């Protein structure tokens, strides 16, 4: 699957992830879409006593809101793609989910299908 093959809902979660990242000036932003089409966006949290990646936080927000499955996830960062633990969190809730890694400019760098 390539960027032109992504649907409008996939492009939407990239935009939401970019917005979450920009809003707080974080190194990464993420967004996920659940089985009903609801979306959840988050930025990485880096406090002295708490560190949570953007993707793990977006998954946690979806689950805590009642999502039982994820269809897709987007991570926006200028660093490497999703960490193994972030991929694991998405897979826990979305065994067939799509994970899109995009740069801060929105250009797709990598697409993973779980």
PDB file of N, CA and C in Angstrom:
ATOM      1  N   UNK A   1       0.851  -1.178   0.000  1.00  0.00           N
ATOM      2  CA  UNK A   1       0.000   0.000   0.000  1.00  0.00           C
ATOM      3  C   UNK A   1       0.896   1.240   0.000  1.00  0.00           C
ATOM      4  N   UNK A   2       0.568   2.200  -0.796  1.00  0.00           N
ATOM      5  CA  UNK A   2       1.330   3.433  -0.885  1.00  0.00           C
ATOM      6  C   UNK A   2       0.444   4.610  -0.508  1.00  0.00           C
ATOM      7  N   UNK A   3       1.054   5.771  -0.370  1.00  0.00           N
ATOM      8  CA  UNK A   3       0.305   6.959   0.036  1.00  0.00           C
ATOM      9  C   UNK A   3      -0.905   7.224  -0.849  1.00  0.00           C
ATOM     10  N   UNK A   4      -0.799   7.128  -2.177  1.00  0.00           N
ATOM     11  CA  UNK A   4      -1.990   7.368  -3.002  1.00  0.00           C
ATOM     12  C   UNK A   4      -3.117   6.361  -2.747  1.00  0.00           C
ATOM     13  N   UNK A   5      -2.789   5.198  -2.190  1.00  0.00           N
ATOM     14  CA  UNK A   5      -3.801   4.181  -1.918  1.00  0.00           C
ATOM     15  C   UNK A   5      -4.484   4.382  -0.569  1.00  0.00           C
ATOM     16  N   UNK A   6      -3.992   5.308   0.233  1.00  0.00           N
ATOM     17  CA  UNK A   6      -4.633   5.581   1.512  1.00  0.00           C
ATOM     18  C   UNK A   6      -5.957   6.289   1.260  1.00  0.00           C
ATOM     19  N   UNK A   7      -6.955   5.936   2.070  1.00  0.00           N
ATOM     20  CA  UNK A   7      -8.262   6.563   1.929  1.00  0.00           C
ATOM     21  C   UNK A   7      -8.342   7.873   2.681  1.00  0.00           C
ATOM     22  N   UNK A   8      -9.431   8.599   2.489  1.00  0.00           N
ATOM     23  CA  UNK A   8      -9.593   9.891   3.164  1.00  0.00           C
ATOM     24  C   UNK A   8      -9.574   9.772   4.693  1.00  0.00           C
ATOM     25  N   UNK A   9     -10.091   8.681   5.229  1.00  0.00           N
ATOM     26  CA  UNK A   9     -10.086   8.506   6.683  1.00  0.00           C
ATOM     27  C   UNK A   9      -8.672   8.259   7.206  1.00  0.00           C
ATOM     28  N   UNK A  10      -7.830   7.605   6.399  1.00  0.00           N
ATOM     29  CA  UNK A  10      -6.432   7.403   6.782  1.00  0.00           C
ATOM     30  C   UNK A  10      -5.681   8.732   6.758  1.00  0.00           C
ATOM     31  N   UNK A  11      -5.927   9.523   5.738  1.00  0.00           N
ATOM     32  CA  UNK A  11      -5.291  10.838   5.646  1.00  0.00           C
ATOM     33  C   UNK A  11      -5.760  11.749   6.786  1.00  0.00           C
ATOM     34  N   UNK A  12      -7.004  11.572   7.209  1.00  0.00           N
ATOM     35  CA  UNK A  12      -7.544  12.364   8.320  1.00  0.00           C
ATOM     36  C   UNK A  12      -6.772  12.094   9.608  1.00  0.00           C
ATOM     37  N   UNK A  13      -6.446  10.824   9.893  1.00  0.00           N
ATOM     38  CA  UNK A  13      -5.740  10.564  11.154  1.00  0.00           C
ATOM     39  C   UNK A  13      -4.290  11.064  11.091  1.00  0.00           C
ATOM     40  N   UNK A  14      -3.718  11.134   9.898  1.00  0.00           N
ATOM     41  CA  UNK A  14      -2.394  11.762   9.777  1.00  0.00           C
ATOM     42  C   UNK A  14      -2.505  13.240  10.137  1.00  0.00           C
ATOM     43  N   UNK A  15      -3.532  13.905   9.622  1.00  0.00           N
ATOM     44  CA  UNK A  15      -3.749  15.318   9.927  1.00  0.00           C
ATOM     45  C   UNK A  15      -3.983  15.530  11.416  1.00  0.00           C
ATOM     46  N   UNK A  16      -4.783  14.668  12.031  1.00  0.00           N
ATOM     47  CA  UNK A  16      -5.038  14.788  13.471  1.00  0.00           C
ATOM     48  C   UNK A  16      -3.760  14.591  14.275  1.00  0.00           C
ATOM     49  N   UNK A  17      -2.942  13.636  13.878  1.00  0.00           N
ATOM     50  CA  UNK A  17      -1.673  13.387  14.575  1.00  0.00           C
ATOM     51  C   UNK A  17      -0.738  14.587  14.427  1.00  0.00           C
ATOM     52  N   UNK A  18      -0.684  15.170  13.230  1.00  0.00           N
ATOM     53  CA  UNK A  18       0.147  16.362  13.013  1.00  0.00           C
ATOM     54  C   UNK A  18      -0.332  17.508  13.902  1.00  0.00           C
ATOM     55  N   UNK A  19      -1.641  17.672  14.016  1.00  0.00           N
ATOM     56  CA  UNK A  19      -2.208  18.747  14.831  1.00  0.00           C
ATOM     57  C   UNK A  19      -1.901  18.553  16.308  1.00  0.00           C
ATOM     58  N   UNK A  20      -2.033  17.313  16.786  1.00  0.00           N
ATOM     59  CA  UNK A  20      -1.745  17.030  18.195  1.00  0.00           C
ATOM     60  C   UNK A  20      -0.282  17.338  18.511  1.00  0.00           C
ATOM     61  N   UNK A  21       0.594  16.958  17.604  1.00  0.00           N
ATOM     62  CA  UNK A  21       2.037  17.204  17.771  1.00  0.00           C
ATOM     63  C   UNK A  21       2.320  18.703  17.801  1.00  0.00           C
ATOM     64  N   UNK A  22       1.765  19.434  16.852  1.00  0.00           N
ATOM     65  CA  UNK A  22       2.025  20.867  16.744  1.00  0.00           C
ATOM     66  C   UNK A  22       1.434  21.658  17.909  1.00  0.00           C
ATOM     67  N   UNK A  23       0.269  21.232  18.374  1.00  0.00           N
ATOM     68  CA  UNK A  23      -0.439  21.964  19.425  1.00  0.00           C
ATOM     69  C   UNK A  23       0.420  22.133  20.676  1.00  0.00           C
ATOM     70  N   UNK A  24       1.204  21.116  21.028  1.00  0.00           N
ATOM     71  CA  UNK A  24       2.009  21.194  22.259  1.00  0.00           C
ATOM     72  C   UNK A  24       3.506  21.207  21.979  1.00  0.00           C
ATOM     73  N   UNK A  25       3.881  21.239  20.707  1.00  0.00           N
ATOM     74  CA  UNK A  25       5.292  21.266  20.365  1.00  0.00           C
ATOM     75  C   UNK A  25       6.021  19.986  20.723  1.00  0.00           C
ATOM     76  N   UNK A  26       5.337  18.875  20.617  1.00  0.00           N
ATOM     77  CA  UNK A  26       5.906  17.576  20.971  1.00  0.00           C
ATOM     78  C   UNK A  26       6.730  17.010  19.816  1.00  0.00           C
ATOM     79  N   UNK A  27       7.604  16.089  20.134  1.00  0.00           N
ATOM     80  CA  UNK A  27       8.407  15.412  19.107  1.00  0.00           C
ATOM     81  C   UNK A  27       7.557  14.469  18.272  1.00  0.00           C
ATOM     82  N   UNK A  28       6.447  13.997  18.835  1.00  0.00           N
ATOM     83  CA  UNK A  28       5.589  13.089  18.085  1.00  0.00           C
ATOM     84  C   UNK A  28       4.131  13.300  18.437  1.00  0.00           C
ATOM     85  N   UNK A  29       3.288  13.003  17.463  1.00  0.00           N
ATOM     86  CA  UNK A  29       1.849  13.028  17.645  1.00  0.00           C
ATOM     87  C   UNK A  29       1.294  11.760  17.030  1.00  0.00           C
ATOM     88  N   UNK A  30       0.131  11.348  17.487  1.00  0.00           N
ATOM     89  CA  UNK A  30      -0.474  10.128  16.965  1.00  0.00           C
ATOM     90  C   UNK A  30      -1.985  10.262  16.982  1.00  0.00           C
ATOM     91  N   UNK A  31      -2.613   9.443  16.171  1.00  0.00           N
ATOM     92  CA  UNK A  31      -4.073   9.357  16.166  1.00  0.00           C
ATOM     93  C   UNK A  31      -4.453   7.939  15.780  1.00  0.00           C
ATOM     94  N   UNK A  32      -5.557   7.466  16.317  1.00  0.00           N
ATOM     95  CA  UNK A  32      -6.071   6.139  15.980  1.00  0.00           C
ATOM     96  C   UNK A  32      -7.542   6.263  15.616  1.00  0.00           C
ATOM     97  N   UNK A  33      -8.018   5.296  14.831  1.00  0.00           N
ATOM     98  CA  UNK A  33      -9.435   5.217  14.451  1.00  0.00           C
ATOM     99  C   UNK A  33      -9.964   3.880  14.922  1.00  0.00           C
ATOM    100  N   UNK A  34     -11.094   3.911  15.628  1.00  0.00           N
ATOM    101  CA  UNK A  34     -11.644   2.656  16.138  1.00  0.00           C
ATOM    102  C   UNK A  34     -12.648   2.048  15.164  1.00  0.00           C
ATOM    103  N   UNK A  35     -13.272   0.966  15.580  1.00  0.00           N
ATOM    104  CA  UNK A  35     -14.182   0.197  14.727  1.00  0.00           C
ATOM    105  C   UNK A  35     -15.447   0.958  14.342  1.00  0.00           C
ATOM    106  N   UNK A  36     -15.768   2.015  15.063  1.00  0.00           N
ATOM    107  CA  UNK A  36     -16.960   2.804  14.749  1.00  0.00           C
ATOM    108  C   UNK A  36     -16.616   4.081  13.982  1.00  0.00           C
ATOM    109  N   UNK A  37     -15.325   4.298  13.720  1.00  0.00           N
ATOM    110  CA  UNK A  37     -14.902   5.493  13.012  1.00  0.00           C
ATOM    111  C   UNK A  37     -14.510   6.643  13.917  1.00  0.00           C
ATOM    112  N   UNK A  38     -14.649   6.456  15.236  1.00  0.00           N
ATOM    113  CA  UNK A  38     -14.225   7.508  16.164  1.00  0.00           C
ATOM    114  C   UNK A  38     -12.704   7.621  16.130  1.00  0.00           C
ATOM    115  N   UNK A  39     -12.209   8.837  16.316  1.00  0.00           N
ATOM    116  CA  UNK A  39     -10.769   9.068  16.301  1.00  0.00           C
ATOM    117  C   UNK A  39     -10.306   9.638  17.634  1.00  0.00           C
ATOM    118  N   UNK A  40      -9.063   9.343  17.955  1.00  0.00           N
ATOM    119  CA  UNK A  40      -8.444   9.793  19.197  1.00  0.00           C
ATOM    120  C   UNK A  40      -7.041  10.261  18.848  1.00  0.00           C
ATOM    121  N   UNK A  41      -6.683  11.471  19.253  1.00  0.00           N
ATOM    122  CA  UNK A  41      -5.375  12.025  18.940  1.00  0.00           C
ATOM    123  C   UNK A  41      -4.643  12.361  20.237  1.00  0.00           C
ATOM    124  N   UNK A  42      -3.325  12.215  20.203  1.00  0.00           N
ATOM    125  CA  UNK A  42      -2.515  12.468  21.393  1.00  0.00           C
ATOM    126  C   UNK A  42      -1.116  12.901  20.980  1.00  0.00           C
ATOM    127  N   UNK A  43      -0.455  13.578  21.898  1.00  0.00           N
ATOM    128  CA  UNK A  43       0.955  13.924  21.742  1.00  0.00           C
ATOM    129  C   UNK A  43       1.732  13.184  22.823  1.00  0.00           C
ATOM    130  N   UNK A  44       3.007  13.017  22.604  1.00  0.00           N
ATOM    131  CA  UNK A  44       3.856  12.355  23.598  1.00  0.00           C
ATOM    132  C   UNK A  44       3.865  13.179  24.880  1.00  0.00           C
ATOM    133  N   UNK A  45       3.943  12.481  26.008  1.00  0.00           N
ATOM    134  CA  UNK A  45       4.016  13.120  27.314  1.00  0.00           C
ATOM    135  C   UNK A  45       5.405  12.839  27.882  1.00  0.00           C
ATOM    136  N   UNK A  46       6.100  13.898  28.296  1.00  0.00           N
ATOM    137  CA  UNK A  46       7.435  13.745  28.873  1.00  0.00           C
ATOM    138  C   UNK A  46       7.536  14.599  30.126  1.00  0.00           C
ATOM    139  N   UNK A  47       7.064  14.034  31.228  1.00  0.00           N
ATOM    140  CA  UNK A  47       7.145  14.688  32.532  1.00  0.00           C
ATOM    141  C   UNK A  47       8.267  14.028  33.332  1.00  0.00           C
ATOM    142  N   UNK A  48       8.737  14.675  34.386  1.00  0.00           N
ATOM    143  CA  UNK A  48       9.783  14.030  35.188  1.00  0.00           C
ATOM    144  C   UNK A  48       9.372  12.654  35.720  1.00  0.00           C
ATOM    145  N   UNK A  49       8.091  12.486  36.019  1.00  0.00           N
ATOM    146  CA  UNK A  49       7.654  11.210  36.600  1.00  0.00           C
ATOM    147  C   UNK A  49       6.807  10.356  35.660  1.00  0.00           C
ATOM    148  N   UNK A  50       6.601  10.807  34.432  1.00  0.00           N
ATOM    149  CA  UNK A  50       5.749  10.055  33.508  1.00  0.00           C
ATOM    150  C   UNK A  50       6.185  10.289  32.075  1.00  0.00           C
ATOM    151  N   UNK A  51       6.408   9.199  31.353  1.00  0.00           N
ATOM    152  CA  UNK A  51       6.719   9.268  29.927  1.00  0.00           C
ATOM    153  C   UNK A  51       5.796   8.305  29.198  1.00  0.00           C
ATOM    154  N   UNK A  52       5.061   8.836  28.220  1.00  0.00           N
ATOM    155  CA  UNK A  52       4.150   8.017  27.432  1.00  0.00           C
ATOM    156  C   UNK A  52       4.290   8.452  25.980  1.00  0.00           C
ATOM    157  N   UNK A  53       4.483   7.487  25.095  1.00  0.00           N
ATOM    158  CA  UNK A  53       4.574   7.822  23.676  1.00  0.00           C
ATOM    159  C   UNK A  53       3.205   8.261  23.166  1.00  0.00           C
ATOM    160  N   UNK A  54       3.215   9.017  22.091  1.00  0.00           N
ATOM    161  CA  UNK A  54       1.962   9.505  21.513  1.00  0.00           C
ATOM    162  C   UNK A  54       1.075   8.359  21.056  1.00  0.00           C
ATOM    163  N   UNK A  55       1.669   7.353  20.427  1.00  0.00           N
ATOM    164  CA  UNK A  55       0.859   6.245  19.910  1.00  0.00           C
ATOM    165  C   UNK A  55       0.258   5.419  21.039  1.00  0.00           C
ATOM    166  N   UNK A  56       1.049   5.120  22.069  1.00  0.00           N
ATOM    167  CA  UNK A  56       0.502   4.375  23.210  1.00  0.00           C
ATOM    168  C   UNK A  56      -0.597   5.156  23.902  1.00  0.00           C
ATOM    169  N   UNK A  57      -0.426   6.469  24.015  1.00  0.00           N
ATOM    170  CA  UNK A  57      -1.452   7.293  24.655  1.00  0.00           C
ATOM    171  C   UNK A  57      -2.731   7.330  23.824  1.00  0.00           C
ATOM    172  N   UNK A  58      -2.608   7.441  22.511  1.00  0.00           N
ATOM    173  CA  UNK A  58      -3.804   7.436  21.654  1.00  0.00           C
ATOM    174  C   UNK A  58      -4.548   6.103  21.765  1.00  0.00           C
ATOM    175  N   UNK A  59      -3.808   4.990  21.813  1.00  0.00           N
ATOM    176  CA  UNK A  59      -4.440   3.675  21.989  1.00  0.00           C
ATOM    177  C   UNK A  59      -5.142   3.626  23.346  1.00  0.00           C
ATOM    178  N   UNK A  60      -4.474   4.090  24.392  1.00  0.00           N
ATOM    179  CA  UNK A  60      -5.073   4.077  25.732  1.00  0.00           C
ATOM    180  C   UNK A  60      -6.337   4.933  25.783  1.00  0.00           C
ATOM    181  N   UNK A  61      -6.317   6.085  25.119  1.00  0.00           N
ATOM    182  CA  UNK A  61      -7.507   6.941  25.084  1.00  0.00           C
ATOM    183  C   UNK A  61      -8.668   6.221  24.407  1.00  0.00           C
ATOM    184  N   UNK A  62      -8.387   5.524  23.316  1.00  0.00           N
ATOM    185  CA  UNK A  62      -9.442   4.801  22.604  1.00  0.00           C
ATOM    186  C   UNK A  62     -10.028   3.700  23.480  1.00  0.00           C
ATOM    187  N   UNK A  63      -9.161   2.915  24.098  1.00  0.00           N
ATOM    188  CA  UNK A  63      -9.619   1.804  24.940  1.00  0.00           C
ATOM    189  C   UNK A  63     -10.397   2.331  26.141  1.00  0.00           C
ATOM    190  N   UNK A  64      -9.909   3.413  26.760  1.00  0.00           N
ATOM    191  CA  UNK A  64     -10.599   3.948  27.933  1.00  0.00           C
ATOM    192  C   UNK A  64     -11.932   4.596  27.571  1.00  0.00           C
ATOM    193  N   UNK A  65     -12.140   4.846  26.280  1.00  0.00           N
ATOM    194  CA  UNK A  65     -13.417   5.383  25.816  1.00  0.00           C
ATOM    195  C   UNK A  65     -14.359   4.301  25.303  1.00  0.00           C
ATOM    196  N   UNK A  66     -13.926   3.039  25.400  1.00  0.00           N
ATOM    197  CA  UNK A  66     -14.798   1.932  25.035  1.00  0.00           C
ATOM    198  C   UNK A  66     -14.521   1.275  23.701  1.00  0.00           C
ATOM    199  N   UNK A  67     -13.477   1.687  22.997  1.00  0.00           N
ATOM    200  CA  UNK A  67     -13.153   1.048  21.712  1.00  0.00           C
ATOM    201  C   UNK A  67     -12.785  -0.410  21.949  1.00  0.00           C
ATOM    202  N   UNK A  68     -13.285  -1.280  21.086  1.00  0.00           N
ATOM    203  CA  UNK A  68     -12.956  -2.700  21.201  1.00  0.00           C
ATOM    204  C   UNK A  68     -12.065  -3.182  20.066  1.00  0.00           C
ATOM    205  N   UNK A  69     -11.871  -2.333  19.047  1.00  0.00           N
ATOM    206  CA  UNK A  69     -10.986  -2.681  17.933  1.00  0.00           C
ATOM    207  C   UNK A  69     -10.476  -1.393  17.292  1.00  0.00           C
ATOM    208  N   UNK A  70      -9.289  -1.468  16.734  1.00  0.00           N
ATOM    209  CA  UNK A  70      -8.725  -0.350  15.992  1.00  0.00           C
ATOM    210  C   UNK A  70      -8.593  -0.735  14.532  1.00  0.00           C
ATOM    211  N   UNK A  71      -8.935   0.203  13.662  1.00  0.00           N
ATOM    212  CA  UNK A  71      -8.794  -0.011  12.224  1.00  0.00           C
ATOM    213  C   UNK A  71      -7.464   0.531  11.712  1.00  0.00           C
ATOM    214  N   UNK A  72      -7.046   1.683  12.262  1.00  0.00           N
ATOM    215  CA  UNK A  72      -5.827   2.323  11.769  1.00  0.00           C
ATOM    216  C   UNK A  72      -5.225   3.220  12.831  1.00  0.00           C
ATOM    217  N   UNK A  73      -3.924   3.451  12.676  1.00  0.00           N
ATOM    218  CA  UNK A  73      -3.184   4.335  13.571  1.00  0.00           C
ATOM    219  C   UNK A  73      -2.186   5.121  12.743  1.00  0.00           C
ATOM    220  N   UNK A  74      -1.922   6.354  13.167  1.00  0.00           N
ATOM    221  CA  UNK A  74      -0.922   7.177  12.500  1.00  0.00           C
ATOM    222  C   UNK A  74       0.026   7.738  13.543  1.00  0.00           C
ATOM    223  N   UNK A  75       1.304   7.705  13.237  1.00  0.00           N
ATOM    224  CA  UNK A  75       2.339   8.308  14.068  1.00  0.00           C
ATOM    225  C   UNK A  75       3.030   9.361  13.216  1.00  0.00           C
ATOM    226  N   UNK A  76       3.128  10.567  13.738  1.00  0.00           N
ATOM    227  CA  UNK A  76       3.842  11.632  13.043  1.00  0.00           C
ATOM    228  C   UNK A  76       5.061  11.993  13.873  1.00  0.00           C
ATOM    229  N   UNK A  77       6.227  11.831  13.270  1.00  0.00           N
ATOM    230  CA  UNK A  77       7.486  12.187  13.924  1.00  0.00           C
ATOM    231  C   UNK A  77       8.564  12.307  12.864  1.00  0.00           C
ATOM    232  N   UNK A  78       9.608  13.027  13.206  1.00  0.00           N
ATOM    233  CA  UNK A  78      10.740  13.115  12.301  1.00  0.00           C
ATOM    234  C   UNK A  78      11.807  12.090  12.682  1.00  0.00           C
ATOM    235  N   UNK A  79      11.520  11.285  13.696  1.00  0.00           N
ATOM    236  CA  UNK A  79      12.424  10.229  14.119  1.00  0.00           C
ATOM    237  C   UNK A  79      12.067   8.917  13.456  1.00  0.00           C
ATOM    238  N   UNK A  80      12.528   7.833  14.053  1.00  0.00           N
ATOM    239  CA  UNK A  80      12.224   6.510  13.499  1.00  0.00           C
ATOM    240  C   UNK A  80      10.739   6.189  13.624  1.00  0.00           C
ATOM    241  N   UNK A  81      10.337   5.123  12.974  1.00  0.00           N
ATOM    242  CA  UNK A  81       8.952   4.677  13.020  1.00  0.00           C
ATOM    243  C   UNK A  81       8.541   4.244  14.409  1.00  0.00           C
ATOM    244  N   UNK A  82       7.366   3.655  14.527  1.00  0.00           N
ATOM    245  CA  UNK A  82       6.855   3.273  15.840  1.00  0.00           C
ATOM    246  C   UNK A  82       7.746   2.251  16.536  1.00  0.00           C
ATOM    247  N   UNK A  83       7.912   2.439  17.835  1.00  0.00           N
ATOM    248  CA  UNK A  83       8.686   1.508  18.653  1.00  0.00           C
ATOM    249  C   UNK A  83       7.930   0.183  18.752  1.00  0.00           C
ATOM    250  N   UNK A  84       8.646  -0.905  18.994  1.00  0.00           N
ATOM    251  CA  UNK A  84       7.984  -2.213  19.104  1.00  0.00           C
ATOM    252  C   UNK A  84       6.845  -2.240  20.122  1.00  0.00           C
ATOM    253  N   UNK A  85       7.011  -1.538  21.243  1.00  0.00           N
ATOM    254  CA  UNK A  85       5.938  -1.537  22.250  1.00  0.00           C
ATOM    255  C   UNK A  85       4.713  -0.776  21.755  1.00  0.00           C
ATOM    256  N   UNK A  86       4.897   0.235  20.909  1.00  0.00           N
ATOM    257  CA  UNK A  86       3.762   0.954  20.335  1.00  0.00           C
ATOM    258  C   UNK A  86       3.031   0.087  19.313  1.00  0.00           C
ATOM    259  N   UNK A  87       3.792  -0.626  18.498  1.00  0.00           N
ATOM    260  CA  UNK A  87       3.188  -1.563  17.544  1.00  0.00           C
ATOM    261  C   UNK A  87       2.406  -2.615  18.326  1.00  0.00           C
ATOM    262  N   UNK A  88       2.967  -3.092  19.426  1.00  0.00           N
ATOM    263  CA  UNK A  88       2.289  -4.081  20.265  1.00  0.00           C
ATOM    264  C   UNK A  88       0.988  -3.557  20.837  1.00  0.00           C
ATOM    265  N   UNK A  89       0.983  -2.286  21.273  1.00  0.00           N
ATOM    266  CA  UNK A  89      -0.242  -1.702  21.823  1.00  0.00           C
ATOM    267  C   UNK A  89      -1.339  -1.631  20.766  1.00  0.00           C
ATOM    268  N   UNK A  90      -0.975  -1.218  19.556  1.00  0.00           N
ATOM    269  CA  UNK A  90      -1.962  -1.170  18.469  1.00  0.00           C
ATOM    270  C   UNK A  90      -2.451  -2.579  18.166  1.00  0.00           C
ATOM    271  N   UNK A  91      -1.529  -3.528  18.095  1.00  0.00           N
ATOM    272  CA  UNK A  91      -1.888  -4.909  17.765  1.00  0.00           C
ATOM    273  C   UNK A  91      -2.799  -5.531  18.825  1.00  0.00           C
ATOM    274  N   UNK A  92      -2.608  -5.151  20.088  1.00  0.00           N
ATOM    275  CA  UNK A  92      -3.469  -5.667  21.162  1.00  0.00           C
ATOM    276  C   UNK A  92      -4.942  -5.379  20.906  1.00  0.00           C
ATOM    277  N   UNK A  93      -5.219  -4.252  20.258  1.00  0.00           N
ATOM    278  CA  UNK A  93      -6.604  -3.829  20.041  1.00  0.00           C
ATOM    279  C   UNK A  93      -7.007  -3.925  18.569  1.00  0.00           C
ATOM    280  N   UNK A  94      -6.032  -3.977  17.685  1.00  0.00           N
ATOM    281  CA  UNK A  94      -6.342  -4.005  16.257  1.00  0.00           C
ATOM    282  C   UNK A  94      -5.442  -4.953  15.506  1.00  0.00           C
ATOM    283  N   UNK A  95      -5.736  -6.247  15.597  1.00  0.00           N
ATOM    284  CA  UNK A  95      -4.837  -7.253  15.017  1.00  0.00           C
ATOM    285  C   UNK A  95      -4.654  -7.095  13.511  1.00  0.00           C
ATOM    286  N   UNK A  96      -5.572  -6.462  12.817  1.00  0.00           N
ATOM    287  CA  UNK A  96      -5.427  -6.252  11.376  1.00  0.00           C
ATOM    288  C   UNK A  96      -5.265  -4.789  11.020  1.00  0.00           C
ATOM    289  N   UNK A  97      -4.915  -3.977  12.014  1.00  0.00           N
ATOM    290  CA  UNK A  97      -4.855  -2.527  11.805  1.00  0.00           C
ATOM    291  C   UNK A  97      -3.717  -2.111  10.883  1.00  0.00           C
ATOM    292  N   UNK A  98      -3.889  -0.957  10.328  1.00  0.00           N
ATOM    293  CA  UNK A  98      -2.889  -0.301   9.503  1.00  0.00           C
ATOM    294  C   UNK A  98      -2.171   0.703  10.401  1.00  0.00           C
ATOM    295  N   UNK A  99      -0.833   0.749  10.351  1.00  0.00           N
ATOM    296  CA  UNK A  99      -0.071   1.767  11.069  1.00  0.00           C
ATOM    297  C   UNK A  99       0.675   2.588  10.031  1.00  0.00           C
ATOM    298  N   UNK A 100       0.448   3.884  10.054  1.00  0.00           N
ATOM    299  CA  UNK A 100       1.069   4.802   9.106  1.00  0.00           C
ATOM    300  C   UNK A 100       2.059   5.667   9.862  1.00  0.00           C
ATOM    301  N   UNK A 101       3.299   5.706   9.403  1.00  0.00           N
ATOM    302  CA  UNK A 101       4.291   6.626   9.973  1.00  0.00           C
ATOM    303  C   UNK A 101       4.532   7.733   8.964  1.00  0.00           C
ATOM    304  N   UNK A 102       4.329   8.962   9.407  1.00  0.00           N
ATOM    305  CA  UNK A 102       4.525  10.123   8.537  1.00  0.00           C
ATOM    306  C   UNK A 102       5.475  11.102   9.200  1.00  0.00           C
ATOM    307  N   UNK A 103       6.148  11.892   8.392  1.00  0.00           N
ATOM    308  CA  UNK A 103       6.998  12.955   8.909  1.00  0.00           C
ATOM    309  C   UNK A 103       6.162  14.154   9.312  1.00  0.00           C
ATOM    310  N   UNK A 104       6.807  15.135   9.918  1.00  0.00           N
ATOM    311  CA  UNK A 104       6.075  16.315  10.380  1.00  0.00           C
ATOM    312  C   UNK A 104       5.438  17.093   9.230  1.00  0.00           C
ATOM    313  N   UNK A 105       5.921  16.875   8.012  1.00  0.00           N
ATOM    314  CA  UNK A 105       5.322  17.525   6.849  1.00  0.00           C
ATOM    315  C   UNK A 105       4.124  16.750   6.306  1.00  0.00           C
ATOM    316  N   UNK A 106       3.813  15.609   6.922  1.00  0.00           N
ATOM    317  CA  UNK A 106       2.679  14.791   6.498  1.00  0.00           C
ATOM    318  C   UNK A 106       3.024  13.748   5.455  1.00  0.00           C
ATOM    319  N   UNK A 107       4.246  13.767   4.944  1.00  0.00           N
ATOM    320  CA  UNK A 107       4.654  12.778   3.936  1.00  0.00           C
ATOM    321  C   UNK A 107       4.781  11.399   4.579  1.00  0.00           C
ATOM    322  N   UNK A 108       4.158  10.419   3.965  1.00  0.00           N
ATOM    323  CA  UNK A 108       4.180   9.054   4.494  1.00  0.00           C
ATOM    324  C   UNK A 108       5.575   8.462   4.319  1.00  0.00           C
ATOM    325  N   UNK A 109       6.102   7.924   5.404  1.00  0.00           N
ATOM    326  CA  UNK A 109       7.419   7.290   5.391  1.00  0.00           C
ATOM    327  C   UNK A 109       7.324   5.774   5.350  1.00  0.00           C
ATOM    328  N   UNK A 110       6.310   5.234   6.022  1.00  0.00           N
ATOM    329  CA  UNK A 110       6.195   3.781   6.148  1.00  0.00           C
ATOM    330  C   UNK A 110       4.742   3.430   6.441  1.00  0.00           C
ATOM    331  N   UNK A 111       4.313   2.303   5.908  1.00  0.00           N
ATOM    332  CA  UNK A 111       2.976   1.768   6.187  1.00  0.00           C
ATOM    333  C   UNK A 111       3.119   0.321   6.591  1.00  0.00           C
ATOM    334  N   UNK A 112       2.581  -0.010   7.758  1.00  0.00           N
ATOM    335  CA  UNK A 112       2.614  -1.378   8.264  1.00  0.00           C
ATOM    336  C   UNK A 112       1.187  -1.924   8.339  1.00  0.00           C
ATOM    337  N   UNK A 113       0.987  -3.149   7.932  1.00  0.00           N
ATOM    338  CA  UNK A 113      -0.300  -3.815   8.105  1.00  0.00           C
ATOM    339  C   UNK A 113      -0.071  -4.933   9.116  1.00  0.00           C
ATOM    340  N   UNK A 114      -0.776  -4.879  10.230  1.00  0.00           N
ATOM    341  CA  UNK A 114      -0.599  -5.901  11.284  1.00  0.00           C
ATOM    342  C   UNK A 114      -1.314  -7.176  10.929  1.00  0.00           C
TER     343      UNK A 114
END
